[in-house]
């Protein structure tokens, strides 16, 4: 989507997540603040919010993804060529598409399975995400709510083309608490612009462990059983991997003992060669991409 908002005069949708969360994969609240200050001062800065290749990919594929999503949702869409503005709050939104259906749009959240029916016009936010993890990102939800504040629309949908070439569609119902938080953070932002103060240094949020026994006490779910099964399966997988490696080593030794690199039996073709391959070097960059950490450790009662 082309940018119709004005840096230095209004906060755009792509900037809002960093202002609310403090940091996203592409920028921080302080960088957004500095970019606006520079623009107000007449200093031109290169857009650093997104890598240009990702931005080009999204722009070129945007209309096709909108058509695909609307075909699945039995809806129509239009792509506005202007910014929706909330001048009082100094916010502006370049909305990807406005989606509508005369019969209403029935959609379920693929994560929570909750069902929604959206009537009238709403927001269609379009994403190409090649690190997608089958859930809507928090920053996308903030973007859509920013657009709700600017446009007056009451609901939104995020359509994502993922790394597998699949289309994922997520409902975004209006959340008044999030609306209030965005407005608070936007007001804080403009106060810092006027006072020439900075944000405090960003600190990663502290995540506290939750007593899952208490949380799930009214359900029939037993996470202890699931965790035990998982650890048993992983232990068995490690045993099988070691067993397979031992068998592989035995085959290699057998072929080496008879001086054979390639051969065949009644049922299999075999190859066992020593080769030289290019050494690969991983170079760290400043770009961050989504990932996931998962671990289970048995608690000792000793």
C-alpha atoms as a PDB file:
ATOM      1  CA  UNK A   1       0.000   0.000   0.000  1.00  0.00           C
ATOM      2  CA  UNK A   2       1.400   3.421  -0.940  1.00  0.00           C
ATOM      3  CA  UNK A   3       1.995   5.705   2.039  1.00  0.00           C
ATOM      4  CA  UNK A   4      -0.592   8.500   2.191  1.00  0.00           C
ATOM      5  CA  UNK A   5       0.201   9.687   5.721  1.00  0.00           C
ATOM      6  CA  UNK A   6       2.518  12.592   6.596  1.00  0.00           C
ATOM      7  CA  UNK A   7       5.476  11.972   8.881  1.00  0.00           C
ATOM      8  CA  UNK A   8       5.860  14.754  11.429  1.00  0.00           C
ATOM      9  CA  UNK A   9       2.141  15.554  11.342  1.00  0.00           C
ATOM     10  CA  UNK A  10       0.445  12.226  12.093  1.00  0.00           C
ATOM     11  CA  UNK A  11       1.272   8.732  13.320  1.00  0.00           C
ATOM     12  CA  UNK A  12       0.827   6.043  10.674  1.00  0.00           C
ATOM     13  CA  UNK A  13      -0.398   2.476  11.158  1.00  0.00           C
ATOM     14  CA  UNK A  14       3.035   0.910  10.638  1.00  0.00           C
ATOM     15  CA  UNK A  15       4.501   3.156  13.347  1.00  0.00           C
ATOM     16  CA  UNK A  16       1.799   2.568  15.939  1.00  0.00           C
ATOM     17  CA  UNK A  17       2.875  -0.948  17.092  1.00  0.00           C
ATOM     18  CA  UNK A  18       6.336   0.315  18.076  1.00  0.00           C
ATOM     19  CA  UNK A  19       4.774   3.216  19.976  1.00  0.00           C
ATOM     20  CA  UNK A  20       2.447   0.872  21.886  1.00  0.00           C
ATOM     21  CA  UNK A  21       4.828  -2.069  22.415  1.00  0.00           C
ATOM     22  CA  UNK A  22       8.103  -0.150  22.615  1.00  0.00           C
ATOM     23  CA  UNK A  23       9.727  -2.320  19.961  1.00  0.00           C
ATOM     24  CA  UNK A  24       8.872  -4.363  16.850  1.00  0.00           C
ATOM     25  CA  UNK A  25      10.994  -6.415  14.453  1.00  0.00           C
ATOM     26  CA  UNK A  26      11.621  -3.308  12.362  1.00  0.00           C
ATOM     27  CA  UNK A  27      11.881  -0.349  14.711  1.00  0.00           C
ATOM     28  CA  UNK A  28      11.473   1.074  18.212  1.00  0.00           C
ATOM     29  CA  UNK A  29       9.391   3.852  19.731  1.00  0.00           C
ATOM     30  CA  UNK A  30      12.536   5.985  20.042  1.00  0.00           C
ATOM     31  CA  UNK A  31      13.418   5.556  16.354  1.00  0.00           C
ATOM     32  CA  UNK A  32       9.884   6.555  15.351  1.00  0.00           C
ATOM     33  CA  UNK A  33      10.173   9.592  17.622  1.00  0.00           C
ATOM     34  CA  UNK A  34      13.521  10.588  16.110  1.00  0.00           C
ATOM     35  CA  UNK A  35      12.181  10.138  12.574  1.00  0.00           C
ATOM     36  CA  UNK A  36       9.288  12.517  13.242  1.00  0.00           C
ATOM     37  CA  UNK A  37      11.574  15.055  14.899  1.00  0.00           C
ATOM     38  CA  UNK A  38      13.940  14.951  11.930  1.00  0.00           C
ATOM     39  CA  UNK A  39      11.080  15.473   9.488  1.00  0.00           C
ATOM     40  CA  UNK A  40       9.729  18.390  11.510  1.00  0.00           C
ATOM     41  CA  UNK A  41      13.255  19.873  11.491  1.00  0.00           C
ATOM     42  CA  UNK A  42      13.450  19.433   7.710  1.00  0.00           C
ATOM     43  CA  UNK A  43      16.016  16.599   7.774  1.00  0.00           C
ATOM     44  CA  UNK A  44      15.243  13.850   5.258  1.00  0.00           C
ATOM     45  CA  UNK A  45      15.790  10.288   6.512  1.00  0.00           C
ATOM     46  CA  UNK A  46      15.689   6.987   4.635  1.00  0.00           C
ATOM     47  CA  UNK A  47      12.684   4.871   5.619  1.00  0.00           C
ATOM     48  CA  UNK A  48      14.099   2.245   7.973  1.00  0.00           C
ATOM     49  CA  UNK A  49      10.884   0.652   9.157  1.00  0.00           C
ATOM     50  CA  UNK A  50      10.887  -2.281   6.741  1.00  0.00           C
ATOM     51  CA  UNK A  51      13.436  -3.934   4.438  1.00  0.00           C
ATOM     52  CA  UNK A  52      12.751  -2.686   0.897  1.00  0.00           C
ATOM     53  CA  UNK A  53      12.472  -6.188  -0.577  1.00  0.00           C
ATOM     54  CA  UNK A  54       9.733  -7.142   1.872  1.00  0.00           C
ATOM     55  CA  UNK A  55       7.973  -3.848   1.217  1.00  0.00           C
ATOM     56  CA  UNK A  56       8.104  -4.348  -2.567  1.00  0.00           C
ATOM     57  CA  UNK A  57       6.842  -7.915  -2.231  1.00  0.00           C
ATOM     58  CA  UNK A  58       3.887  -6.759  -0.184  1.00  0.00           C
ATOM     59  CA  UNK A  59       3.024  -3.895  -2.530  1.00  0.00           C
ATOM     60  CA  UNK A  60       3.157  -6.007  -5.707  1.00  0.00           C
ATOM     61  CA  UNK A  61       1.135  -8.909  -4.248  1.00  0.00           C
ATOM     62  CA  UNK A  62      -1.336  -6.811  -2.254  1.00  0.00           C
ATOM     63  CA  UNK A  63      -4.249  -6.614  -4.682  1.00  0.00           C
ATOM     64  CA  UNK A  64      -4.003 -10.303  -5.616  1.00  0.00           C
ATOM     65  CA  UNK A  65      -4.086 -11.347  -1.952  1.00  0.00           C
ATOM     66  CA  UNK A  66      -7.108  -9.076  -1.398  1.00  0.00           C
ATOM     67  CA  UNK A  67      -8.926 -10.752  -4.310  1.00  0.00           C
ATOM     68  CA  UNK A  68      -8.059 -14.204  -2.989  1.00  0.00           C
ATOM     69  CA  UNK A  69      -9.225 -13.386   0.544  1.00  0.00           C
ATOM     70  CA  UNK A  70     -12.473 -11.823  -0.641  1.00  0.00           C
ATOM     71  CA  UNK A  71     -13.212 -14.832  -2.851  1.00  0.00           C
ATOM     72  CA  UNK A  72     -12.954 -17.076   0.219  1.00  0.00           C
ATOM     73  CA  UNK A  73     -15.049 -14.675   2.319  1.00  0.00           C
ATOM     74  CA  UNK A  74     -17.665 -14.043  -0.406  1.00  0.00           C
ATOM     75  CA  UNK A  75     -17.054 -10.337  -0.106  1.00  0.00           C
ATOM     76  CA  UNK A  76     -16.078  -7.351  -2.186  1.00  0.00           C
ATOM     77  CA  UNK A  77     -13.338  -4.801  -1.606  1.00  0.00           C
ATOM     78  CA  UNK A  78     -11.968  -1.464  -2.694  1.00  0.00           C
ATOM     79  CA  UNK A  79      -8.492  -0.030  -2.190  1.00  0.00           C
ATOM     80  CA  UNK A  80      -8.650   3.607  -1.032  1.00  0.00           C
ATOM     81  CA  UNK A  81      -6.106   6.054  -2.429  1.00  0.00           C
ATOM     82  CA  UNK A  82      -6.132   8.452   0.485  1.00  0.00           C
ATOM     83  CA  UNK A  83      -5.368   8.488   4.197  1.00  0.00           C
ATOM     84  CA  UNK A  84      -8.120   8.107   6.761  1.00  0.00           C
ATOM     85  CA  UNK A  85      -7.345  10.661   9.435  1.00  0.00           C
ATOM     86  CA  UNK A  86      -8.133  11.439  13.029  1.00  0.00           C
ATOM     87  CA  UNK A  87      -6.866  15.006  13.095  1.00  0.00           C
ATOM     88  CA  UNK A  88      -7.600  15.521  16.786  1.00  0.00           C
ATOM     89  CA  UNK A  89      -5.236  12.686  17.744  1.00  0.00           C
ATOM     90  CA  UNK A  90      -2.781  13.369  14.888  1.00  0.00           C
ATOM     91  CA  UNK A  91      -3.224   9.866  13.469  1.00  0.00           C
ATOM     92  CA  UNK A  92      -3.440   8.791   9.839  1.00  0.00           C
ATOM     93  CA  UNK A  93      -3.986   5.393   8.233  1.00  0.00           C
ATOM     94  CA  UNK A  94      -3.229   4.145   4.727  1.00  0.00           C
ATOM     95  CA  UNK A  95      -5.727   1.263   4.766  1.00  0.00           C
ATOM     96  CA  UNK A  96      -4.873  -1.613   2.407  1.00  0.00           C
ATOM     97  CA  UNK A  97      -8.486  -2.357   1.492  1.00  0.00           C
ATOM     98  CA  UNK A  98     -12.050  -1.820   2.678  1.00  0.00           C
ATOM     99  CA  UNK A  99     -14.014  -5.060   2.656  1.00  0.00           C
ATOM    100  CA  UNK A 100     -17.804  -5.490   2.672  1.00  0.00           C
ATOM    101  CA  UNK A 101     -20.570  -8.014   2.060  1.00  0.00           C
ATOM    102  CA  UNK A 102     -24.321  -7.465   1.784  1.00  0.00           C
ATOM    103  CA  UNK A 103     -24.928 -10.782   3.559  1.00  0.00           C
ATOM    104  CA  UNK A 104     -22.339 -10.263   6.304  1.00  0.00           C
ATOM    105  CA  UNK A 105     -19.026 -12.071   6.679  1.00  0.00           C
ATOM    106  CA  UNK A 106     -18.942 -15.228   8.793  1.00  0.00           C
ATOM    107  CA  UNK A 107     -15.434 -16.016   9.979  1.00  0.00           C
ATOM    108  CA  UNK A 108     -13.849 -18.092  12.728  1.00  0.00           C
ATOM    109  CA  UNK A 109     -10.562 -17.503  14.490  1.00  0.00           C
ATOM    110  CA  UNK A 110      -8.281 -20.422  13.476  1.00  0.00           C
ATOM    111  CA  UNK A 111      -6.530 -20.300  16.855  1.00  0.00           C
ATOM    112  CA  UNK A 112      -9.405 -19.873  19.343  1.00  0.00           C
ATOM    113  CA  UNK A 113     -12.146 -21.311  17.064  1.00  0.00           C
ATOM    114  CA  UNK A 114     -14.366 -18.399  18.100  1.00  0.00           C
ATOM    115  CA  UNK A 115     -17.016 -17.486  15.499  1.00  0.00           C
ATOM    116  CA  UNK A 116     -17.710 -13.930  14.304  1.00  0.00           C
ATOM    117  CA  UNK A 117     -20.192 -12.283  11.971  1.00  0.00           C
ATOM    118  CA  UNK A 118     -19.069  -8.936  10.595  1.00  0.00           C
ATOM    119  CA  UNK A 119     -21.625  -6.633   8.966  1.00  0.00           C
ATOM    120  CA  UNK A 120     -21.177  -3.485   6.910  1.00  0.00           C
ATOM    121  CA  UNK A 121     -17.747  -2.225   5.898  1.00  0.00           C
ATOM    122  CA  UNK A 122     -14.509  -3.182   7.610  1.00  0.00           C
ATOM    123  CA  UNK A 123     -10.739  -3.118   7.292  1.00  0.00           C
ATOM    124  CA  UNK A 124      -8.748  -5.673   5.301  1.00  0.00           C
ATOM    125  CA  UNK A 125      -5.093  -5.618   6.320  1.00  0.00           C
ATOM    126  CA  UNK A 126      -2.917  -7.575   3.888  1.00  0.00           C
ATOM    127  CA  UNK A 127       0.369  -9.234   4.818  1.00  0.00           C
ATOM    128  CA  UNK A 128       3.041 -11.368   3.166  1.00  0.00           C
ATOM    129  CA  UNK A 129       4.822 -13.124   6.004  1.00  0.00           C
ATOM    130  CA  UNK A 130       7.511 -15.678   5.167  1.00  0.00           C
ATOM    131  CA  UNK A 131       8.123 -16.390   8.864  1.00  0.00           C
ATOM    132  CA  UNK A 132       4.465 -16.954   9.676  1.00  0.00           C
ATOM    133  CA  UNK A 133       3.635 -19.043  12.740  1.00  0.00           C
ATOM    134  CA  UNK A 134      -0.088 -19.624  12.100  1.00  0.00           C
ATOM    135  CA  UNK A 135      -1.346 -16.893  14.377  1.00  0.00           C
ATOM    136  CA  UNK A 136      -2.030 -13.193  14.045  1.00  0.00           C
ATOM    137  CA  UNK A 137       0.829 -11.040  15.314  1.00  0.00           C
ATOM    138  CA  UNK A 138       0.161  -8.579  18.123  1.00  0.00           C
ATOM    139  CA  UNK A 139       1.533  -5.709  16.041  1.00  0.00           C
ATOM    140  CA  UNK A 140      -0.964  -6.466  13.238  1.00  0.00           C
ATOM    141  CA  UNK A 141      -3.863  -6.279  15.695  1.00  0.00           C
ATOM    142  CA  UNK A 142      -2.549  -2.906  16.861  1.00  0.00           C
ATOM    143  CA  UNK A 143      -2.279  -1.716  13.254  1.00  0.00           C
ATOM    144  CA  UNK A 144      -5.886  -2.640  12.539  1.00  0.00           C
ATOM    145  CA  UNK A 145      -7.104  -0.909  15.700  1.00  0.00           C
ATOM    146  CA  UNK A 146      -5.103   2.187  14.763  1.00  0.00           C
ATOM    147  CA  UNK A 147      -6.974   2.111  11.452  1.00  0.00           C
ATOM    148  CA  UNK A 148     -10.297   1.715  13.278  1.00  0.00           C
ATOM    149  CA  UNK A 149      -9.560   4.896  15.261  1.00  0.00           C
ATOM    150  CA  UNK A 150      -8.763   6.780  12.055  1.00  0.00           C
ATOM    151  CA  UNK A 151     -11.614   5.431   9.914  1.00  0.00           C
ATOM    152  CA  UNK A 152     -14.473   4.736  12.325  1.00  0.00           C
ATOM    153  CA  UNK A 153     -14.790   1.110  11.144  1.00  0.00           C
ATOM    154  CA  UNK A 154     -15.743  -1.357  13.873  1.00  0.00           C
ATOM    155  CA  UNK A 155     -13.969  -4.530  12.754  1.00  0.00           C
ATOM    156  CA  UNK A 156     -11.113  -5.804  10.645  1.00  0.00           C
ATOM    157  CA  UNK A 157      -9.635  -8.865   8.989  1.00  0.00           C
ATOM    158  CA  UNK A 158      -5.977  -9.742   8.433  1.00  0.00           C
ATOM    159  CA  UNK A 159      -5.176 -11.819   5.318  1.00  0.00           C
ATOM    160  CA  UNK A 160      -1.692 -13.364   5.286  1.00  0.00           C
ATOM    161  CA  UNK A 161       0.188 -15.076   2.459  1.00  0.00           C
ATOM    162  CA  UNK A 162       2.634 -17.331   4.303  1.00  0.00           C
ATOM    163  CA  UNK A 163       5.923 -18.997   3.397  1.00  0.00           C
ATOM    164  CA  UNK A 164       4.134 -22.107   2.134  1.00  0.00           C
ATOM    165  CA  UNK A 165       2.027 -20.115  -0.316  1.00  0.00           C
ATOM    166  CA  UNK A 166      -1.088 -20.612   1.840  1.00  0.00           C
ATOM    167  CA  UNK A 167      -3.590 -17.883   2.640  1.00  0.00           C
ATOM    168  CA  UNK A 168      -4.416 -17.448   6.325  1.00  0.00           C
ATOM    169  CA  UNK A 169      -7.327 -15.241   7.397  1.00  0.00           C
ATOM    170  CA  UNK A 170      -7.796 -13.854  10.915  1.00  0.00           C
ATOM    171  CA  UNK A 171     -10.714 -11.848  12.343  1.00  0.00           C
ATOM    172  CA  UNK A 172      -9.919  -8.727  14.370  1.00  0.00           C
ATOM    173  CA  UNK A 173     -12.934  -7.699  16.468  1.00  0.00           C
ATOM    174  CA  UNK A 174     -12.819  -4.258  18.048  1.00  0.00           C
ATOM    175  CA  UNK A 175     -11.191  -4.192  21.493  1.00  0.00           C
ATOM    176  CA  UNK A 176     -12.047  -1.010  23.419  1.00  0.00           C
ATOM    177  CA  UNK A 177      -9.255  -1.526  25.968  1.00  0.00           C
ATOM    178  CA  UNK A 178      -6.704  -1.664  23.158  1.00  0.00           C
ATOM    179  CA  UNK A 179      -8.265   1.432  21.576  1.00  0.00           C
ATOM    180  CA  UNK A 180      -7.795   3.304  24.880  1.00  0.00           C
ATOM    181  CA  UNK A 181      -4.192   2.108  25.193  1.00  0.00           C
ATOM    182  CA  UNK A 182      -3.350   3.248  21.660  1.00  0.00           C
ATOM    183  CA  UNK A 183      -4.846   6.688  22.295  1.00  0.00           C
ATOM    184  CA  UNK A 184      -2.880   6.994  25.552  1.00  0.00           C
ATOM    185  CA  UNK A 185       0.388   6.007  23.842  1.00  0.00           C
ATOM    186  CA  UNK A 186      -0.239   8.361  20.905  1.00  0.00           C
ATOM    187  CA  UNK A 187      -0.842  11.293  23.266  1.00  0.00           C
ATOM    188  CA  UNK A 188       2.342  10.388  25.130  1.00  0.00           C
ATOM    189  CA  UNK A 189       4.248  10.326  21.820  1.00  0.00           C
ATOM    190  CA  UNK A 190       3.204  13.844  20.807  1.00  0.00           C
ATOM    191  CA  UNK A 191       3.972  15.094  24.314  1.00  0.00           C
ATOM    192  CA  UNK A 192       7.548  13.821  23.886  1.00  0.00           C
ATOM    193  CA  UNK A 193       7.775  15.477  20.486  1.00  0.00           C
ATOM    194  CA  UNK A 194       6.753  18.822  21.994  1.00  0.00           C
ATOM    195  CA  UNK A 195       8.945  18.542  25.110  1.00  0.00           C
ATOM    196  CA  UNK A 196      11.954  17.221  23.161  1.00  0.00           C
ATOM    197  CA  UNK A 197      12.271  14.392  25.687  1.00  0.00           C
ATOM    198  CA  UNK A 198      13.130  10.786  24.837  1.00  0.00           C
ATOM    199  CA  UNK A 199      11.562   7.457  25.704  1.00  0.00           C
ATOM    200  CA  UNK A 200      13.277   5.548  28.531  1.00  0.00           C
ATOM    201  CA  UNK A 201      15.553   2.715  27.312  1.00  0.00           C
ATOM    202  CA  UNK A 202      13.549  -0.300  26.166  1.00  0.00           C
ATOM    203  CA  UNK A 203      13.424  -3.258  28.542  1.00  0.00           C
ATOM    204  CA  UNK A 204      12.215  -6.696  27.530  1.00  0.00           C
ATOM    205  CA  UNK A 205       9.012  -7.513  29.421  1.00  0.00           C
ATOM    206  CA  UNK A 206       9.397  -9.941  32.309  1.00  0.00           C
ATOM    207  CA  UNK A 207       7.333 -13.095  31.838  1.00  0.00           C
ATOM    208  CA  UNK A 208       6.271 -14.745  35.094  1.00  0.00           C
ATOM    209  CA  UNK A 209       5.563 -18.463  35.391  1.00  0.00           C
ATOM    210  CA  UNK A 210       1.891 -19.372  35.828  1.00  0.00           C
ATOM    211  CA  UNK A 211       0.505 -22.187  37.990  1.00  0.00           C
ATOM    212  CA  UNK A 212      -1.211 -24.186  35.220  1.00  0.00           C
ATOM    213  CA  UNK A 213      -2.835 -26.562  37.701  1.00  0.00           C
ATOM    214  CA  UNK A 214      -4.869 -23.641  39.057  1.00  0.00           C
ATOM    215  CA  UNK A 215      -5.657 -22.226  35.611  1.00  0.00           C
ATOM    216  CA  UNK A 216      -6.881 -25.585  34.249  1.00  0.00           C
ATOM    217  CA  UNK A 217      -8.511 -26.896  37.435  1.00  0.00           C
ATOM    218  CA  UNK A 218     -12.031 -26.663  35.954  1.00  0.00           C
ATOM    219  CA  UNK A 219     -11.111 -28.513  32.763  1.00  0.00           C
ATOM    220  CA  UNK A 220     -10.385 -32.145  32.000  1.00  0.00           C
ATOM    221  CA  UNK A 221      -7.035 -31.316  30.427  1.00  0.00           C
ATOM    222  CA  UNK A 222      -3.969 -32.886  32.012  1.00  0.00           C
ATOM    223  CA  UNK A 223      -0.830 -31.097  30.914  1.00  0.00           C
ATOM    224  CA  UNK A 224       1.201 -33.426  33.131  1.00  0.00           C
ATOM    225  CA  UNK A 225       0.132 -36.387  30.973  1.00  0.00           C
ATOM    226  CA  UNK A 226       0.845 -34.513  27.748  1.00  0.00           C
ATOM    227  CA  UNK A 227       4.253 -33.352  28.976  1.00  0.00           C
ATOM    228  CA  UNK A 228       5.153 -36.869  30.103  1.00  0.00           C
ATOM    229  CA  UNK A 229       4.115 -38.310  26.735  1.00  0.00           C
ATOM    230  CA  UNK A 230       6.124 -35.653  24.917  1.00  0.00           C
ATOM    231  CA  UNK A 231       9.296 -36.326  26.899  1.00  0.00           C
ATOM    232  CA  UNK A 232       8.892 -40.087  26.421  1.00  0.00           C
ATOM    233  CA  UNK A 233       8.486 -39.643  22.650  1.00  0.00           C
ATOM    234  CA  UNK A 234      11.538 -37.378  22.470  1.00  0.00           C
ATOM    235  CA  UNK A 235      13.611 -39.880  24.442  1.00  0.00           C
ATOM    236  CA  UNK A 236      12.514 -42.666  22.090  1.00  0.00           C
ATOM    237  CA  UNK A 237      13.339 -40.456  19.087  1.00  0.00           C
ATOM    238  CA  UNK A 238      16.857 -39.866  20.431  1.00  0.00           C
ATOM    239  CA  UNK A 239      17.331 -43.618  20.949  1.00  0.00           C
ATOM    240  CA  UNK A 240      16.166 -44.324  17.405  1.00  0.00           C
ATOM    241  CA  UNK A 241      18.408 -41.583  15.994  1.00  0.00           C
ATOM    242  CA  UNK A 242      21.411 -43.079  17.793  1.00  0.00           C
ATOM    243  CA  UNK A 243      20.462 -46.576  16.617  1.00  0.00           C
ATOM    244  CA  UNK A 244      20.154 -45.335  13.015  1.00  0.00           C
ATOM    245  CA  UNK A 245      23.564 -43.632  13.233  1.00  0.00           C
ATOM    246  CA  UNK A 246      25.171 -46.859  14.508  1.00  0.00           C
ATOM    247  CA  UNK A 247      23.662 -48.810  11.602  1.00  0.00           C
ATOM    248  CA  UNK A 248      24.846 -46.124   9.144  1.00  0.00           C
ATOM    249  CA  UNK A 249      28.376 -46.314  10.562  1.00  0.00           C
ATOM    250  CA  UNK A 250      28.332 -50.097  10.135  1.00  0.00           C
ATOM    251  CA  UNK A 251      27.328 -49.789   6.466  1.00  0.00           C
ATOM    252  CA  UNK A 252      30.065 -47.192   5.814  1.00  0.00           C
ATOM    253  CA  UNK A 253      32.705 -49.416   7.430  1.00  0.00           C
ATOM    254  CA  UNK A 254      31.524 -52.411   5.354  1.00  0.00           C
ATOM    255  CA  UNK A 255      31.774 -50.466   2.073  1.00  0.00           C
ATOM    256  CA  UNK A 256      35.167 -49.010   2.988  1.00  0.00           C
ATOM    257  CA  UNK A 257      36.511 -52.469   3.844  1.00  0.00           C
ATOM    258  CA  UNK A 258      35.831 -53.628   0.279  1.00  0.00           C
ATOM    259  CA  UNK A 259      36.855 -50.343  -1.362  1.00  0.00           C
ATOM    260  CA  UNK A 260      33.414 -49.515  -2.785  1.00  0.00           C
ATOM    261  CA  UNK A 261      31.908 -45.989  -3.014  1.00  0.00           C
ATOM    262  CA  UNK A 262      28.787 -46.838  -5.029  1.00  0.00           C
ATOM    263  CA  UNK A 263      26.914 -50.100  -5.318  1.00  0.00           C
ATOM    264  CA  UNK A 264      23.563 -51.813  -5.196  1.00  0.00           C
ATOM    265  CA  UNK A 265      21.860 -54.845  -3.685  1.00  0.00           C
ATOM    266  CA  UNK A 266      18.650 -56.595  -4.648  1.00  0.00           C
ATOM    267  CA  UNK A 267      16.617 -53.830  -3.028  1.00  0.00           C
ATOM    268  CA  UNK A 268      18.798 -50.739  -2.513  1.00  0.00           C
ATOM    269  CA  UNK A 269      21.295 -48.404  -4.184  1.00  0.00           C
ATOM    270  CA  UNK A 270      24.122 -47.211  -1.948  1.00  0.00           C
ATOM    271  CA  UNK A 271      26.606 -44.344  -2.109  1.00  0.00           C
ATOM    272  CA  UNK A 272      29.289 -43.573   0.474  1.00  0.00           C
ATOM    273  CA  UNK A 273      31.886 -40.999  -0.603  1.00  0.00           C
ATOM    274  CA  UNK A 274      34.222 -38.580   1.135  1.00  0.00           C
ATOM    275  CA  UNK A 275      33.771 -35.118  -0.418  1.00  0.00           C
ATOM    276  CA  UNK A 276      34.796 -31.471   0.078  1.00  0.00           C
ATOM    277  CA  UNK A 277      31.995 -28.915   0.365  1.00  0.00           C
ATOM    278  CA  UNK A 278      31.935 -25.147   0.669  1.00  0.00           C
ATOM    279  CA  UNK A 279      32.021 -23.952   4.260  1.00  0.00           C
ATOM    280  CA  UNK A 280      29.035 -21.773   5.043  1.00  0.00           C
ATOM    281  CA  UNK A 281      29.305 -18.819   7.372  1.00  0.00           C
ATOM    282  CA  UNK A 282      26.280 -17.327   9.110  1.00  0.00           C
ATOM    283  CA  UNK A 283      26.440 -13.554   9.323  1.00  0.00           C
ATOM    284  CA  UNK A 284      24.357 -11.850  11.997  1.00  0.00           C
ATOM    285  CA  UNK A 285      22.221  -8.911  10.896  1.00  0.00           C
ATOM    286  CA  UNK A 286      20.197  -6.298  12.756  1.00  0.00           C
ATOM    287  CA  UNK A 287      16.940  -7.638  11.288  1.00  0.00           C
ATOM    288  CA  UNK A 288      14.779  -9.677  13.670  1.00  0.00           C
ATOM    289  CA  UNK A 289      12.414 -12.422  12.525  1.00  0.00           C
ATOM    290  CA  UNK A 290       9.760 -14.335  14.484  1.00  0.00           C
ATOM    291  CA  UNK A 291      10.740 -17.556  16.203  1.00  0.00           C
ATOM    292  CA  UNK A 292       9.500 -19.840  18.955  1.00  0.00           C
ATOM    293  CA  UNK A 293      11.084 -21.289  22.088  1.00  0.00           C
ATOM    294  CA  UNK A 294       9.669 -24.478  23.605  1.00  0.00           C
ATOM    295  CA  UNK A 295      11.002 -26.523  26.499  1.00  0.00           C
ATOM    296  CA  UNK A 296       9.745 -28.955  29.124  1.00  0.00           C
ATOM    297  CA  UNK A 297      11.753 -29.841  32.224  1.00  0.00           C
ATOM    298  CA  UNK A 298      10.558 -32.268  34.868  1.00  0.00           C
ATOM    299  CA  UNK A 299      10.298 -30.722  38.341  1.00  0.00           C
ATOM    300  CA  UNK A 300      12.278 -32.560  40.996  1.00  0.00           C
ATOM    301  CA  UNK A 301      10.507 -32.999  44.312  1.00  0.00           C
ATOM    302  CA  UNK A 302      13.686 -33.893  46.147  1.00  0.00           C
END
